[in-house]
N, C-alpha and C. Protein backbone atom coordinates (compact mmCIF):
# COMPACT_ATOMS: atom_id res chain seq x y z
N UNK A 1 8.66 -36.52 -46.82
CA UNK A 1 8.66 -35.07 -46.87
C UNK A 1 8.48 -34.53 -45.45
N UNK A 2 9.36 -33.62 -45.00
CA UNK A 2 9.24 -33.11 -43.64
C UNK A 2 8.00 -32.23 -43.48
N UNK A 3 7.40 -32.34 -42.29
CA UNK A 3 6.24 -31.51 -42.02
C UNK A 3 6.69 -30.10 -41.66
N UNK A 4 5.88 -29.12 -42.03
CA UNK A 4 6.21 -27.75 -41.67
C UNK A 4 5.71 -27.47 -40.25
N UNK A 5 6.48 -26.65 -39.55
CA UNK A 5 6.12 -26.31 -38.18
C UNK A 5 4.93 -25.37 -38.18
N UNK A 6 4.03 -25.61 -37.25
CA UNK A 6 2.84 -24.77 -37.15
C UNK A 6 2.93 -23.86 -35.93
N UNK A 7 4.17 -23.53 -35.56
CA UNK A 7 4.36 -22.62 -34.42
C UNK A 7 5.58 -21.77 -34.68
N UNK A 8 5.62 -20.65 -34.01
CA UNK A 8 6.73 -19.72 -34.11
C UNK A 8 7.76 -20.08 -33.04
N UNK A 9 8.96 -20.48 -33.46
CA UNK A 9 9.97 -20.93 -32.50
C UNK A 9 10.31 -19.84 -31.47
N UNK A 10 10.42 -18.61 -31.91
CA UNK A 10 10.76 -17.51 -30.99
C UNK A 10 9.69 -17.33 -29.93
N UNK A 11 8.43 -17.39 -30.35
CA UNK A 11 7.34 -17.25 -29.39
C UNK A 11 7.31 -18.41 -28.40
N UNK A 12 7.53 -19.61 -28.91
CA UNK A 12 7.53 -20.79 -28.04
C UNK A 12 8.70 -20.70 -27.06
N UNK A 13 9.85 -20.26 -27.52
CA UNK A 13 11.00 -20.11 -26.63
C UNK A 13 10.72 -19.08 -25.54
N UNK A 14 10.08 -18.00 -25.90
CA UNK A 14 9.69 -16.96 -24.93
C UNK A 14 8.73 -17.55 -23.89
N UNK A 15 7.78 -18.33 -24.34
CA UNK A 15 6.82 -18.96 -23.42
C UNK A 15 7.53 -19.96 -22.50
N UNK A 16 8.47 -20.72 -23.05
CA UNK A 16 9.24 -21.67 -22.24
C UNK A 16 10.06 -20.93 -21.19
N UNK A 17 10.64 -19.80 -21.58
CA UNK A 17 11.41 -19.00 -20.64
C UNK A 17 10.52 -18.58 -19.46
N UNK A 18 9.33 -18.10 -19.76
CA UNK A 18 8.42 -17.67 -18.70
C UNK A 18 8.06 -18.83 -17.76
N UNK A 19 7.82 -20.01 -18.33
CA UNK A 19 7.45 -21.16 -17.51
C UNK A 19 8.61 -21.62 -16.63
N UNK A 20 9.79 -21.75 -17.21
CA UNK A 20 10.96 -22.15 -16.42
C UNK A 20 11.28 -21.09 -15.36
N UNK A 21 11.11 -19.84 -15.70
CA UNK A 21 11.37 -18.74 -14.77
C UNK A 21 10.43 -18.84 -13.57
N UNK A 22 9.19 -19.13 -13.83
CA UNK A 22 8.21 -19.20 -12.75
C UNK A 22 8.33 -20.47 -11.92
N UNK A 23 8.54 -21.62 -12.58
CA UNK A 23 8.51 -22.90 -11.86
C UNK A 23 9.88 -23.47 -11.52
N UNK A 24 10.90 -23.07 -12.28
CA UNK A 24 12.23 -23.65 -12.11
C UNK A 24 12.40 -24.85 -13.03
N UNK A 25 13.64 -25.33 -13.12
CA UNK A 25 13.94 -26.44 -14.01
C UNK A 25 13.31 -27.74 -13.52
N UNK A 26 13.57 -28.09 -12.27
CA UNK A 26 13.12 -29.40 -11.77
C UNK A 26 11.61 -29.52 -11.67
N UNK A 27 10.94 -28.43 -11.32
CA UNK A 27 9.48 -28.49 -11.13
C UNK A 27 8.72 -28.42 -12.45
N UNK A 28 9.41 -28.16 -13.54
CA UNK A 28 8.76 -28.09 -14.85
C UNK A 28 8.92 -29.45 -15.55
N UNK A 29 7.82 -30.11 -15.77
CA UNK A 29 7.87 -31.41 -16.44
C UNK A 29 7.71 -31.24 -17.95
N UNK A 30 8.02 -32.28 -18.67
CA UNK A 30 7.79 -32.27 -20.12
C UNK A 30 6.31 -32.03 -20.40
N UNK A 31 5.44 -32.65 -19.60
CA UNK A 31 4.00 -32.44 -19.80
C UNK A 31 3.61 -30.99 -19.55
N UNK A 32 4.22 -30.35 -18.55
CA UNK A 32 3.98 -28.91 -18.32
C UNK A 32 4.35 -28.11 -19.56
N UNK A 33 5.50 -28.44 -20.12
CA UNK A 33 5.96 -27.73 -21.32
C UNK A 33 5.01 -27.94 -22.49
N UNK A 34 4.63 -29.18 -22.73
CA UNK A 34 3.72 -29.49 -23.83
C UNK A 34 2.41 -28.71 -23.67
N UNK A 35 1.87 -28.73 -22.47
CA UNK A 35 0.59 -28.05 -22.22
C UNK A 35 0.74 -26.53 -22.34
N UNK A 36 1.80 -25.99 -21.77
CA UNK A 36 1.99 -24.53 -21.75
C UNK A 36 2.36 -23.99 -23.13
N UNK A 37 3.18 -24.73 -23.86
CA UNK A 37 3.67 -24.25 -25.15
C UNK A 37 2.70 -24.53 -26.30
N UNK A 38 1.80 -25.48 -26.07
CA UNK A 38 0.84 -25.82 -27.12
C UNK A 38 1.46 -26.57 -28.29
N UNK A 39 2.55 -27.29 -28.03
CA UNK A 39 3.16 -28.12 -29.07
C UNK A 39 3.27 -29.54 -28.53
N UNK A 40 3.37 -30.50 -29.43
CA UNK A 40 3.45 -31.88 -28.96
C UNK A 40 4.89 -32.25 -28.59
N UNK A 41 5.03 -33.38 -27.94
CA UNK A 41 6.35 -33.83 -27.47
C UNK A 41 7.34 -33.98 -28.62
N UNK A 42 6.88 -34.56 -29.71
CA UNK A 42 7.78 -34.78 -30.85
C UNK A 42 8.32 -33.45 -31.37
N UNK A 43 7.47 -32.45 -31.47
CA UNK A 43 7.92 -31.13 -31.93
C UNK A 43 8.88 -30.50 -30.94
N UNK A 44 8.61 -30.69 -29.67
CA UNK A 44 9.49 -30.14 -28.64
C UNK A 44 10.89 -30.74 -28.78
N UNK A 45 10.95 -32.07 -28.89
CA UNK A 45 12.25 -32.73 -29.01
C UNK A 45 12.92 -32.43 -30.35
N UNK A 46 12.14 -32.45 -31.43
CA UNK A 46 12.72 -32.19 -32.75
C UNK A 46 13.26 -30.77 -32.87
N UNK A 47 12.55 -29.82 -32.31
CA UNK A 47 12.92 -28.41 -32.47
C UNK A 47 13.94 -27.96 -31.43
N UNK A 48 13.75 -28.38 -30.19
CA UNK A 48 14.57 -27.84 -29.10
C UNK A 48 15.50 -28.86 -28.45
N UNK A 49 15.32 -30.14 -28.73
CA UNK A 49 16.22 -31.15 -28.20
C UNK A 49 15.88 -31.67 -26.83
N UNK A 50 14.71 -31.41 -26.33
CA UNK A 50 14.32 -31.91 -25.02
C UNK A 50 14.32 -30.84 -23.96
N UNK A 51 13.96 -31.23 -22.76
CA UNK A 51 13.79 -30.29 -21.65
C UNK A 51 15.07 -29.54 -21.31
N UNK A 52 16.18 -30.25 -21.15
CA UNK A 52 17.42 -29.58 -20.75
C UNK A 52 17.90 -28.60 -21.81
N UNK A 53 17.87 -29.01 -23.06
CA UNK A 53 18.29 -28.13 -24.14
C UNK A 53 17.36 -26.92 -24.26
N UNK A 54 16.06 -27.15 -24.08
CA UNK A 54 15.11 -26.04 -24.13
C UNK A 54 15.36 -25.08 -22.98
N UNK A 55 15.63 -25.63 -21.79
CA UNK A 55 15.94 -24.77 -20.65
C UNK A 55 17.17 -23.91 -20.94
N UNK A 56 18.21 -24.52 -21.48
CA UNK A 56 19.44 -23.78 -21.77
C UNK A 56 19.18 -22.65 -22.76
N UNK A 57 18.36 -22.91 -23.77
CA UNK A 57 18.03 -21.87 -24.76
C UNK A 57 17.17 -20.78 -24.13
N UNK A 58 16.21 -21.18 -23.31
CA UNK A 58 15.35 -20.20 -22.65
C UNK A 58 16.16 -19.34 -21.67
N UNK A 59 17.08 -19.96 -20.96
CA UNK A 59 17.92 -19.25 -20.00
C UNK A 59 18.85 -18.28 -20.72
N UNK A 60 19.37 -18.70 -21.86
CA UNK A 60 20.23 -17.82 -22.68
C UNK A 60 19.43 -16.61 -23.18
N UNK A 61 18.19 -16.85 -23.59
CA UNK A 61 17.33 -15.76 -24.04
C UNK A 61 17.12 -14.76 -22.91
N UNK A 62 16.84 -15.24 -21.71
CA UNK A 62 16.63 -14.35 -20.57
C UNK A 62 17.89 -13.53 -20.29
N UNK A 63 19.04 -14.19 -20.24
CA UNK A 63 20.28 -13.49 -19.93
C UNK A 63 20.59 -12.44 -20.99
N UNK A 64 20.38 -12.78 -22.24
CA UNK A 64 20.62 -11.84 -23.33
C UNK A 64 19.68 -10.64 -23.21
N UNK A 65 18.39 -10.92 -23.00
CA UNK A 65 17.41 -9.84 -22.88
C UNK A 65 17.70 -8.94 -21.69
N UNK A 66 18.01 -9.55 -20.54
CA UNK A 66 18.23 -8.74 -19.34
C UNK A 66 19.54 -7.96 -19.44
N UNK A 67 20.57 -8.55 -20.04
CA UNK A 67 21.83 -7.82 -20.22
C UNK A 67 21.66 -6.61 -21.12
N UNK A 68 20.95 -6.79 -22.22
CA UNK A 68 20.68 -5.67 -23.13
C UNK A 68 19.81 -4.62 -22.46
N UNK A 69 18.84 -5.07 -21.69
CA UNK A 69 17.94 -4.14 -21.00
C UNK A 69 18.70 -3.28 -20.00
N UNK A 70 19.64 -3.86 -19.27
CA UNK A 70 20.43 -3.08 -18.30
C UNK A 70 21.29 -2.06 -19.03
N UNK A 71 21.94 -2.47 -20.12
CA UNK A 71 22.77 -1.53 -20.89
C UNK A 71 21.92 -0.37 -21.41
N UNK A 72 20.78 -0.69 -22.01
CA UNK A 72 19.90 0.35 -22.54
C UNK A 72 19.34 1.22 -21.43
N UNK A 73 19.06 0.63 -20.29
CA UNK A 73 18.54 1.37 -19.14
C UNK A 73 19.54 2.46 -18.74
N UNK A 74 20.81 2.10 -18.62
CA UNK A 74 21.81 3.07 -18.19
C UNK A 74 22.07 4.13 -19.25
N UNK A 75 21.88 3.80 -20.52
CA UNK A 75 22.06 4.80 -21.57
C UNK A 75 21.06 5.94 -21.43
N UNK A 76 19.91 5.66 -20.83
CA UNK A 76 18.87 6.67 -20.67
C UNK A 76 18.91 7.41 -19.34
N UNK A 77 19.96 7.20 -18.55
CA UNK A 77 20.03 7.83 -17.23
C UNK A 77 20.88 9.10 -17.29
N UNK A 78 20.47 10.09 -16.52
CA UNK A 78 21.18 11.37 -16.50
C UNK A 78 22.55 11.25 -15.83
N UNK A 79 22.66 10.39 -14.83
CA UNK A 79 23.93 10.22 -14.14
C UNK A 79 24.08 8.75 -13.72
N UNK A 80 25.30 8.36 -13.44
CA UNK A 80 25.56 6.98 -13.03
C UNK A 80 24.91 6.70 -11.69
N UNK A 81 25.08 7.61 -10.72
CA UNK A 81 24.49 7.40 -9.40
C UNK A 81 22.97 7.28 -9.48
N UNK A 82 22.36 8.17 -10.23
CA UNK A 82 20.90 8.09 -10.40
C UNK A 82 20.52 6.81 -11.13
N UNK A 83 21.35 6.39 -12.07
CA UNK A 83 21.09 5.16 -12.80
C UNK A 83 21.04 3.96 -11.87
N UNK A 84 22.00 3.85 -10.97
CA UNK A 84 21.97 2.73 -10.02
C UNK A 84 20.77 2.83 -9.10
N UNK A 85 20.48 4.02 -8.63
CA UNK A 85 19.31 4.20 -7.76
C UNK A 85 18.04 3.77 -8.50
N UNK A 86 17.92 4.19 -9.75
CA UNK A 86 16.73 3.85 -10.54
C UNK A 86 16.66 2.37 -10.89
N UNK A 87 17.83 1.74 -11.11
CA UNK A 87 17.85 0.30 -11.38
C UNK A 87 17.31 -0.48 -10.18
N UNK A 88 17.75 -0.12 -9.00
CA UNK A 88 17.29 -0.79 -7.80
C UNK A 88 15.81 -0.48 -7.54
N UNK A 89 15.40 0.75 -7.82
CA UNK A 89 13.98 1.11 -7.66
C UNK A 89 13.11 0.29 -8.61
N UNK A 90 13.59 0.12 -9.83
CA UNK A 90 12.85 -0.69 -10.80
C UNK A 90 12.69 -2.12 -10.29
N UNK A 91 13.75 -2.68 -9.70
CA UNK A 91 13.68 -4.05 -9.16
C UNK A 91 12.64 -4.13 -8.04
N UNK A 92 12.55 -3.09 -7.21
CA UNK A 92 11.57 -3.05 -6.12
C UNK A 92 10.15 -3.00 -6.69
N UNK A 93 9.94 -2.14 -7.66
CA UNK A 93 8.61 -2.01 -8.27
C UNK A 93 8.21 -3.31 -8.97
N UNK A 94 9.15 -3.90 -9.68
CA UNK A 94 8.89 -5.16 -10.38
C UNK A 94 8.50 -6.26 -9.39
N UNK A 95 9.21 -6.33 -8.27
CA UNK A 95 8.91 -7.36 -7.26
C UNK A 95 7.53 -7.13 -6.64
N UNK A 96 7.22 -5.88 -6.35
CA UNK A 96 5.93 -5.56 -5.70
C UNK A 96 4.75 -5.82 -6.63
N UNK A 97 4.98 -5.73 -7.94
CA UNK A 97 3.87 -5.88 -8.88
C UNK A 97 3.77 -7.29 -9.47
N UNK A 98 4.60 -8.21 -9.01
CA UNK A 98 4.59 -9.58 -9.54
C UNK A 98 3.89 -10.51 -8.56
N UNK A 99 2.63 -10.86 -8.83
CA UNK A 99 1.91 -11.70 -7.88
C UNK A 99 2.51 -13.10 -7.72
N UNK A 100 3.22 -13.59 -8.72
CA UNK A 100 3.81 -14.93 -8.61
C UNK A 100 5.17 -14.90 -7.90
N UNK A 101 5.70 -13.71 -7.65
CA UNK A 101 6.98 -13.53 -6.95
C UNK A 101 8.09 -14.40 -7.55
N UNK A 102 8.19 -14.36 -8.86
CA UNK A 102 9.18 -15.22 -9.50
C UNK A 102 10.60 -14.68 -9.41
N UNK A 103 10.78 -13.41 -9.09
CA UNK A 103 12.12 -12.87 -8.89
C UNK A 103 12.92 -12.80 -10.18
N UNK A 104 14.19 -13.11 -10.08
CA UNK A 104 15.12 -13.06 -11.20
C UNK A 104 15.45 -14.48 -11.64
N UNK A 105 15.32 -14.76 -12.91
CA UNK A 105 15.56 -16.10 -13.44
C UNK A 105 17.01 -16.53 -13.20
N UNK A 106 17.95 -15.60 -13.30
CA UNK A 106 19.36 -15.94 -13.06
C UNK A 106 19.57 -16.35 -11.61
N UNK A 107 19.04 -15.56 -10.70
CA UNK A 107 19.18 -15.86 -9.27
C UNK A 107 18.49 -17.18 -8.95
N UNK A 108 17.29 -17.37 -9.49
CA UNK A 108 16.55 -18.61 -9.24
C UNK A 108 17.34 -19.83 -9.73
N UNK A 109 17.94 -19.71 -10.90
CA UNK A 109 18.70 -20.82 -11.47
C UNK A 109 19.93 -21.11 -10.62
N UNK A 110 20.60 -20.06 -10.17
CA UNK A 110 21.78 -20.26 -9.33
C UNK A 110 21.42 -20.99 -8.05
N UNK A 111 20.32 -20.59 -7.42
CA UNK A 111 19.96 -21.23 -6.15
C UNK A 111 19.39 -22.63 -6.35
N UNK A 112 18.82 -22.89 -7.53
CA UNK A 112 18.25 -24.22 -7.77
C UNK A 112 19.30 -25.23 -8.28
N UNK A 113 20.18 -24.81 -9.16
CA UNK A 113 21.03 -25.77 -9.87
C UNK A 113 22.51 -25.76 -9.46
N UNK A 114 22.90 -24.84 -8.59
CA UNK A 114 24.30 -24.78 -8.15
C UNK A 114 24.33 -25.08 -6.66
N UNK A 115 25.20 -25.94 -6.20
CA UNK A 115 26.18 -26.73 -6.93
C UNK A 115 25.51 -27.94 -7.60
N UNK A 116 26.25 -28.57 -8.47
CA UNK A 116 25.77 -29.80 -9.08
C UNK A 116 25.66 -29.76 -10.59
N UNK A 117 25.67 -28.57 -11.18
CA UNK A 117 25.55 -28.47 -12.62
C UNK A 117 26.69 -27.58 -13.12
N UNK A 118 27.79 -28.21 -13.53
CA UNK A 118 28.98 -27.46 -13.93
C UNK A 118 28.73 -26.58 -15.15
N UNK A 119 27.93 -27.06 -16.08
CA UNK A 119 27.65 -26.30 -17.29
C UNK A 119 26.93 -24.99 -16.94
N UNK A 120 25.92 -25.09 -16.09
CA UNK A 120 25.18 -23.90 -15.68
C UNK A 120 26.08 -22.99 -14.83
N UNK A 121 26.93 -23.59 -14.00
CA UNK A 121 27.85 -22.77 -13.20
C UNK A 121 28.75 -21.93 -14.10
N UNK A 122 29.27 -22.52 -15.17
CA UNK A 122 30.10 -21.77 -16.11
C UNK A 122 29.32 -20.64 -16.75
N UNK A 123 28.09 -20.92 -17.13
CA UNK A 123 27.22 -19.90 -17.74
C UNK A 123 26.98 -18.77 -16.75
N UNK A 124 26.70 -19.12 -15.50
CA UNK A 124 26.44 -18.10 -14.48
C UNK A 124 27.68 -17.27 -14.18
N UNK A 125 28.84 -17.89 -14.16
CA UNK A 125 30.09 -17.15 -13.94
C UNK A 125 30.33 -16.17 -15.07
N UNK A 126 30.08 -16.59 -16.29
CA UNK A 126 30.24 -15.72 -17.45
C UNK A 126 29.27 -14.55 -17.38
N UNK A 127 28.03 -14.83 -17.00
CA UNK A 127 27.01 -13.78 -16.87
C UNK A 127 27.44 -12.78 -15.79
N UNK A 128 27.90 -13.29 -14.66
CA UNK A 128 28.34 -12.42 -13.57
C UNK A 128 29.48 -11.52 -14.04
N UNK A 129 30.44 -12.09 -14.75
CA UNK A 129 31.57 -11.31 -15.25
C UNK A 129 31.09 -10.18 -16.17
N UNK A 130 30.13 -10.47 -17.04
CA UNK A 130 29.64 -9.45 -17.99
C UNK A 130 28.94 -8.31 -17.26
N UNK A 131 28.09 -8.66 -16.29
CA UNK A 131 27.35 -7.61 -15.57
C UNK A 131 28.31 -6.82 -14.68
N UNK A 132 29.23 -7.51 -14.02
CA UNK A 132 30.21 -6.79 -13.20
C UNK A 132 31.08 -5.87 -14.05
N UNK A 133 31.43 -6.31 -15.25
CA UNK A 133 32.22 -5.47 -16.16
C UNK A 133 31.43 -4.21 -16.54
N UNK A 134 30.15 -4.37 -16.82
CA UNK A 134 29.30 -3.21 -17.13
C UNK A 134 29.26 -2.27 -15.93
N UNK A 135 29.03 -2.82 -14.73
CA UNK A 135 28.98 -1.99 -13.52
C UNK A 135 30.33 -1.29 -13.29
N UNK A 136 31.43 -2.00 -13.54
CA UNK A 136 32.76 -1.43 -13.38
C UNK A 136 32.93 -0.20 -14.30
N UNK A 137 32.55 -0.35 -15.55
CA UNK A 137 32.65 0.76 -16.51
C UNK A 137 31.81 1.94 -16.05
N UNK A 138 30.61 1.64 -15.54
CA UNK A 138 29.73 2.71 -15.08
C UNK A 138 30.29 3.41 -13.85
N UNK A 139 30.81 2.65 -12.90
CA UNK A 139 31.38 3.26 -11.69
C UNK A 139 32.60 4.11 -12.07
N UNK A 140 33.45 3.61 -12.93
CA UNK A 140 34.60 4.41 -13.39
C UNK A 140 34.13 5.71 -14.04
N UNK A 141 33.10 5.61 -14.85
CA UNK A 141 32.54 6.81 -15.49
C UNK A 141 32.03 7.80 -14.44
N UNK A 142 31.34 7.28 -13.43
CA UNK A 142 30.84 8.14 -12.36
C UNK A 142 31.96 8.84 -11.62
N UNK A 143 33.06 8.14 -11.38
CA UNK A 143 34.21 8.75 -10.70
C UNK A 143 34.83 9.82 -11.59
N UNK A 144 35.00 9.51 -12.89
CA UNK A 144 35.59 10.47 -13.82
C UNK A 144 34.75 11.72 -13.97
N UNK A 145 33.43 11.57 -13.87
CA UNK A 145 32.53 12.73 -13.98
C UNK A 145 32.38 13.50 -12.68
N UNK A 146 33.00 13.00 -11.62
CA UNK A 146 32.91 13.68 -10.34
C UNK A 146 31.63 13.39 -9.57
N UNK A 147 30.87 12.37 -9.99
CA UNK A 147 29.64 12.00 -9.29
C UNK A 147 29.95 11.22 -8.01
N UNK A 148 31.13 10.61 -7.98
CA UNK A 148 31.59 9.83 -6.84
C UNK A 148 32.99 10.30 -6.51
N UNK A 149 33.34 10.21 -5.24
CA UNK A 149 34.68 10.69 -4.87
C UNK A 149 35.80 9.85 -5.48
N UNK A 150 36.93 10.50 -5.81
CA UNK A 150 38.07 9.73 -6.30
C UNK A 150 38.60 8.83 -5.18
N UNK A 151 39.36 7.85 -5.56
CA UNK A 151 39.92 6.95 -4.56
C UNK A 151 39.04 5.73 -4.30
N UNK A 152 37.86 5.70 -4.90
CA UNK A 152 37.00 4.52 -4.78
C UNK A 152 37.61 3.39 -5.62
N UNK A 153 37.33 2.16 -5.22
CA UNK A 153 37.80 1.00 -5.97
C UNK A 153 36.66 0.53 -6.89
N UNK A 154 36.70 0.90 -8.18
CA UNK A 154 35.58 0.58 -9.07
C UNK A 154 35.28 -0.92 -9.18
N UNK A 155 36.33 -1.76 -9.16
CA UNK A 155 36.10 -3.20 -9.29
C UNK A 155 35.39 -3.75 -8.06
N UNK A 156 35.83 -3.32 -6.87
CA UNK A 156 35.19 -3.78 -5.64
C UNK A 156 33.74 -3.29 -5.57
N UNK A 157 33.51 -2.06 -5.98
CA UNK A 157 32.15 -1.51 -5.96
C UNK A 157 31.27 -2.24 -6.97
N UNK A 158 31.81 -2.53 -8.15
CA UNK A 158 31.03 -3.26 -9.17
C UNK A 158 30.64 -4.64 -8.64
N UNK A 159 31.57 -5.34 -8.00
CA UNK A 159 31.26 -6.66 -7.43
C UNK A 159 30.23 -6.55 -6.33
N UNK A 160 30.38 -5.53 -5.49
CA UNK A 160 29.42 -5.31 -4.41
C UNK A 160 28.02 -5.04 -4.98
N UNK A 161 27.93 -4.15 -5.98
CA UNK A 161 26.63 -3.80 -6.54
C UNK A 161 25.95 -5.01 -7.19
N UNK A 162 26.74 -5.84 -7.86
CA UNK A 162 26.18 -7.06 -8.45
C UNK A 162 25.62 -7.96 -7.35
N UNK A 163 26.40 -8.15 -6.30
CA UNK A 163 25.97 -9.00 -5.18
C UNK A 163 24.76 -8.42 -4.49
N UNK A 164 24.79 -7.13 -4.24
CA UNK A 164 23.69 -6.45 -3.55
C UNK A 164 22.40 -6.51 -4.38
N UNK A 165 22.53 -6.29 -5.68
CA UNK A 165 21.36 -6.33 -6.56
C UNK A 165 20.72 -7.72 -6.55
N UNK A 166 21.55 -8.75 -6.66
CA UNK A 166 21.02 -10.11 -6.65
C UNK A 166 20.44 -10.48 -5.30
N UNK A 167 21.05 -10.00 -4.23
CA UNK A 167 20.50 -10.22 -2.90
C UNK A 167 19.13 -9.55 -2.75
N UNK A 168 19.01 -8.35 -3.30
CA UNK A 168 17.71 -7.66 -3.28
C UNK A 168 16.67 -8.47 -4.02
N UNK A 169 17.06 -9.06 -5.14
CA UNK A 169 16.10 -9.86 -5.92
C UNK A 169 15.63 -11.08 -5.13
N UNK A 170 16.49 -11.67 -4.31
CA UNK A 170 16.10 -12.80 -3.47
C UNK A 170 15.18 -12.33 -2.35
N UNK A 171 15.60 -11.30 -1.63
CA UNK A 171 14.83 -10.81 -0.49
C UNK A 171 13.45 -10.32 -0.93
N UNK A 172 13.38 -9.69 -2.10
CA UNK A 172 12.10 -9.14 -2.57
C UNK A 172 11.10 -10.22 -2.96
N UNK A 173 11.56 -11.48 -3.06
CA UNK A 173 10.61 -12.58 -3.26
C UNK A 173 9.87 -12.90 -1.96
N UNK A 174 10.52 -12.57 -0.84
CA UNK A 174 9.95 -12.85 0.47
C UNK A 174 9.27 -11.61 1.04
N UNK A 175 9.94 -10.48 0.95
CA UNK A 175 9.45 -9.23 1.51
C UNK A 175 9.23 -8.24 0.38
N UNK A 176 7.97 -7.99 0.04
CA UNK A 176 7.68 -7.09 -1.07
C UNK A 176 7.28 -5.69 -0.59
N UNK A 177 7.55 -5.36 0.67
CA UNK A 177 7.24 -4.03 1.19
C UNK A 177 8.19 -3.01 0.55
N UNK A 178 7.68 -2.19 -0.38
CA UNK A 178 8.57 -1.28 -1.11
C UNK A 178 9.33 -0.31 -0.21
N UNK A 179 8.68 0.18 0.81
CA UNK A 179 9.36 1.16 1.66
C UNK A 179 10.52 0.54 2.44
N UNK A 180 10.32 -0.65 2.95
CA UNK A 180 11.41 -1.32 3.66
C UNK A 180 12.56 -1.62 2.69
N UNK A 181 12.24 -2.07 1.49
CA UNK A 181 13.28 -2.36 0.50
C UNK A 181 14.01 -1.08 0.08
N UNK A 182 13.28 0.03 -0.03
CA UNK A 182 13.92 1.30 -0.40
C UNK A 182 14.90 1.75 0.68
N UNK A 183 14.56 1.54 1.94
CA UNK A 183 15.48 1.91 3.03
C UNK A 183 16.77 1.10 2.92
N UNK A 184 16.62 -0.19 2.62
CA UNK A 184 17.80 -1.05 2.46
C UNK A 184 18.65 -0.57 1.29
N UNK A 185 18.00 -0.26 0.18
CA UNK A 185 18.71 0.20 -1.02
C UNK A 185 19.42 1.52 -0.74
N UNK A 186 18.74 2.43 -0.04
CA UNK A 186 19.36 3.72 0.29
C UNK A 186 20.67 3.50 1.05
N UNK A 187 20.62 2.61 2.03
CA UNK A 187 21.82 2.31 2.82
C UNK A 187 22.88 1.63 1.94
N UNK A 188 22.46 0.66 1.15
CA UNK A 188 23.40 -0.07 0.30
C UNK A 188 24.08 0.80 -0.73
N UNK A 189 23.35 1.75 -1.30
CA UNK A 189 23.92 2.60 -2.35
C UNK A 189 24.75 3.74 -1.79
N UNK A 190 24.79 3.86 -0.48
CA UNK A 190 25.64 4.89 0.13
C UNK A 190 27.12 4.63 -0.19
N UNK A 191 27.44 3.45 -0.65
CA UNK A 191 28.82 3.13 -1.06
C UNK A 191 29.27 4.04 -2.22
N UNK A 192 28.31 4.60 -2.95
CA UNK A 192 28.65 5.47 -4.07
C UNK A 192 28.93 6.91 -3.63
N UNK A 193 28.64 7.22 -2.38
CA UNK A 193 28.85 8.60 -1.87
C UNK A 193 30.30 8.87 -1.51
C-alpha cells in the first residue's frame, strides 16, 4: 500500500524555487534540499525525480509567476511609458531591499548554466521571446496612444528593454545604490521619448 505524502507539493516546490534562486543549481546539494524542504531523499526523488527535475520544475514555477506578474503589473499602469518606468523602479527597490542580493532567477540561471545546458538554453530562449513579445505589444500600444513618437521600431525597443532590464538585474546585485541605478534607468528609458 503506498504511503500518503505528509507535505504539500506546491509549498515544497515554492521552497525549492527559493533555495535554487538564492544558491544556484550547482551550489545546491541534495542534502541542502532535504534539509531546507523538510522531506527525505526518497520523497524528493519519488515526487520530483531528483535534483535536476526539481530544479526544472522550480525554474518553470518562477518563470510562470514572473511572467504573470509582469502582465498584471502593466494592466494596472496608467500609461505604457509610466509602466516601464515603474517596472524598472520596482526592480531597483527589490534589489535594495534584498539582503541576500539574489537578483533574478532567470538571469542567475543564464549566467550559471549557459553555455553547456542545451535544455535550459531552449527554455531561456522561449522565456526571452515571451517577454520581448509582451514588451513589443506594450511599445506598439504606447506609439498608437501617442505616448511615444511614431517611427520608433517597436521590436528593436522591446529587445533593448528586455536586455536593459536584465542588465539592471545583474548590476543591482553588485551596486544597490538606488539613486545611481535610477540615473541609469532614466538614461536608458529615454529611448521611449
